Amino acid sequence: MEELKEQLAELLEVEELDLTKKFSDYDSFDSLAILTILAMLDSDYNKSMKASDIRAYESIEAFCKDVLA
């Protein structure tokens, strides 16, 4: 999970990622961030999602658990 957290922190331009927050709590979370997350999921984790799936997560932790499941 650490690698995924680091990737998301870099993408969201933060030093420390708060897993209890939603993606939308971060100012840098926009359509480009969503596209980057979708590409990362496909290339690094062989997972596919829709943008609406990412927006629907109640926390980043829940997202990470689903990606790594």
C-alpha atoms as a PDB file:
ATOM      1  CA  MET A   1       0.000   0.000   0.000  1.00  0.00           C
ATOM      2  CA  GLU A   2       2.938   2.333   0.604  1.00  0.00           C
ATOM      3  CA  GLU A   3       3.839   2.526  -3.077  1.00  0.00           C
ATOM      4  CA  LEU A   4       0.264   3.394  -4.034  1.00  0.00           C
ATOM      5  CA  LYS A   5       0.102   6.031  -1.289  1.00  0.00           C
ATOM      6  CA  GLU A   6       3.340   7.575  -2.539  1.00  0.00           C
ATOM      7  CA  GLN A   7       2.070   7.640  -6.130  1.00  0.00           C
ATOM      8  CA  LEU A   8      -1.173   9.322  -5.054  1.00  0.00           C
ATOM      9  CA  ALA A   9       0.641  11.840  -2.843  1.00  0.00           C
ATOM     10  CA  GLU A  10       2.885  12.817  -5.737  1.00  0.00           C
ATOM     11  CA  LEU A  11      -0.086  13.075  -8.070  1.00  0.00           C
ATOM     12  CA  LEU A  12      -2.027  15.234  -5.599  1.00  0.00           C
ATOM     13  CA  GLU A  13       1.093  17.326  -4.931  1.00  0.00           C
ATOM     14  CA  VAL A  14       1.175  16.734  -1.172  1.00  0.00           C
ATOM     15  CA  GLU A  15       3.939  15.500   1.098  1.00  0.00           C
ATOM     16  CA  GLU A  16       1.666  13.511   3.398  1.00  0.00           C
ATOM     17  CA  LEU A  17      -1.500  11.836   2.133  1.00  0.00           C
ATOM     18  CA  ASP A  18      -4.398  11.678   4.608  1.00  0.00           C
ATOM     19  CA  LEU A  19      -6.145   8.415   3.815  1.00  0.00           C
ATOM     20  CA  THR A  20      -9.288   9.454   5.670  1.00  0.00           C
ATOM     21  CA  LYS A  21      -9.953  12.294   3.221  1.00  0.00           C
ATOM     22  CA  LYS A  22     -11.771  12.096  -0.087  1.00  0.00           C
ATOM     23  CA  PHE A  23      -9.912  12.857  -3.278  1.00  0.00           C
ATOM     24  CA  SER A  24     -12.090  15.950  -3.693  1.00  0.00           C
ATOM     25  CA  ASP A  25     -10.700  17.361  -0.420  1.00  0.00           C
ATOM     26  CA  TYR A  26      -7.456  18.101  -2.262  1.00  0.00           C
ATOM     27  CA  ASP A  27      -7.257  21.245  -4.405  1.00  0.00           C
ATOM     28  CA  SER A  28      -5.153  19.491  -7.025  1.00  0.00           C
ATOM     29  CA  PHE A  29      -7.821  16.841  -7.632  1.00  0.00           C
ATOM     30  CA  ASP A  30      -9.254  17.695 -11.034  1.00  0.00           C
ATOM     31  CA  SER A  31     -10.063  15.996 -14.318  1.00  0.00           C
ATOM     32  CA  LEU A  32      -6.372  15.701 -15.203  1.00  0.00           C
ATOM     33  CA  ALA A  33      -5.680  14.019 -11.849  1.00  0.00           C
ATOM     34  CA  ILE A  34      -8.499  11.573 -12.518  1.00  0.00           C
ATOM     35  CA  LEU A  35      -7.103  10.712 -15.941  1.00  0.00           C
ATOM     36  CA  THR A  36      -3.665  10.220 -14.416  1.00  0.00           C
ATOM     37  CA  ILE A  37      -5.078   7.926 -11.727  1.00  0.00           C
ATOM     38  CA  LEU A  38      -6.961   5.918 -14.351  1.00  0.00           C
ATOM     39  CA  ALA A  39      -3.782   5.524 -16.429  1.00  0.00           C
ATOM     40  CA  MET A  40      -1.774   4.536 -13.344  1.00  0.00           C
ATOM     41  CA  LEU A  41      -4.374   1.922 -12.377  1.00  0.00           C
ATOM     42  CA  ASP A  42      -4.239   0.407 -15.832  1.00  0.00           C
ATOM     43  CA  SER A  43      -0.464   0.387 -16.238  1.00  0.00           C
ATOM     44  CA  ASP A  44       0.712  -0.361 -12.688  1.00  0.00           C
ATOM     45  CA  TYR A  45      -2.147  -2.366 -11.160  1.00  0.00           C
ATOM     46  CA  ASN A  46      -3.943  -3.871 -14.191  1.00  0.00           C
ATOM     47  CA  LYS A  47      -7.240  -2.402 -12.928  1.00  0.00           C
ATOM     48  CA  SER A  48      -9.821  -0.347 -14.721  1.00  0.00           C
ATOM     49  CA  MET A  49     -12.345   2.099 -13.307  1.00  0.00           C
ATOM     50  CA  LYS A  50     -14.480   4.974 -14.453  1.00  0.00           C
ATOM     51  CA  ALA A  51     -13.931   8.544 -13.315  1.00  0.00           C
ATOM     52  CA  SER A  52     -17.249   8.376 -11.463  1.00  0.00           C
ATOM     53  CA  ASP A  53     -15.977   5.344  -9.514  1.00  0.00           C
ATOM     54  CA  ILE A  54     -12.994   7.317  -8.251  1.00  0.00           C
ATOM     55  CA  ARG A  55     -15.166  10.290  -7.281  1.00  0.00           C
ATOM     56  CA  ALA A  56     -17.568   7.994  -5.385  1.00  0.00           C
ATOM     57  CA  TYR A  57     -15.050   6.701  -2.838  1.00  0.00           C
ATOM     58  CA  GLU A  58     -15.752   7.899   0.704  1.00  0.00           C
ATOM     59  CA  SER A  59     -12.033   7.874   1.492  1.00  0.00           C
ATOM     60  CA  ILE A  60      -8.712   7.422  -0.222  1.00  0.00           C
ATOM     61  CA  GLU A  61      -8.108   4.456   2.075  1.00  0.00           C
ATOM     62  CA  ALA A  62     -11.180   2.663   0.666  1.00  0.00           C
ATOM     63  CA  PHE A  63      -9.896   3.348  -2.840  1.00  0.00           C
ATOM     64  CA  CYS A  64      -6.464   1.936  -1.995  1.00  0.00           C
ATOM     65  CA  LYS A  65      -7.946  -1.210  -0.449  1.00  0.00           C
ATOM     66  CA  ASP A  66     -10.054  -1.857  -3.553  1.00  0.00           C
ATOM     67  CA  VAL A  67      -7.115  -1.303  -5.886  1.00  0.00           C
ATOM     68  CA  LEU A  68      -4.906  -3.674  -3.933  1.00  0.00           C
ATOM     69  CA  ALA A  69      -7.602  -6.330  -3.353  1.00  0.00           C
END
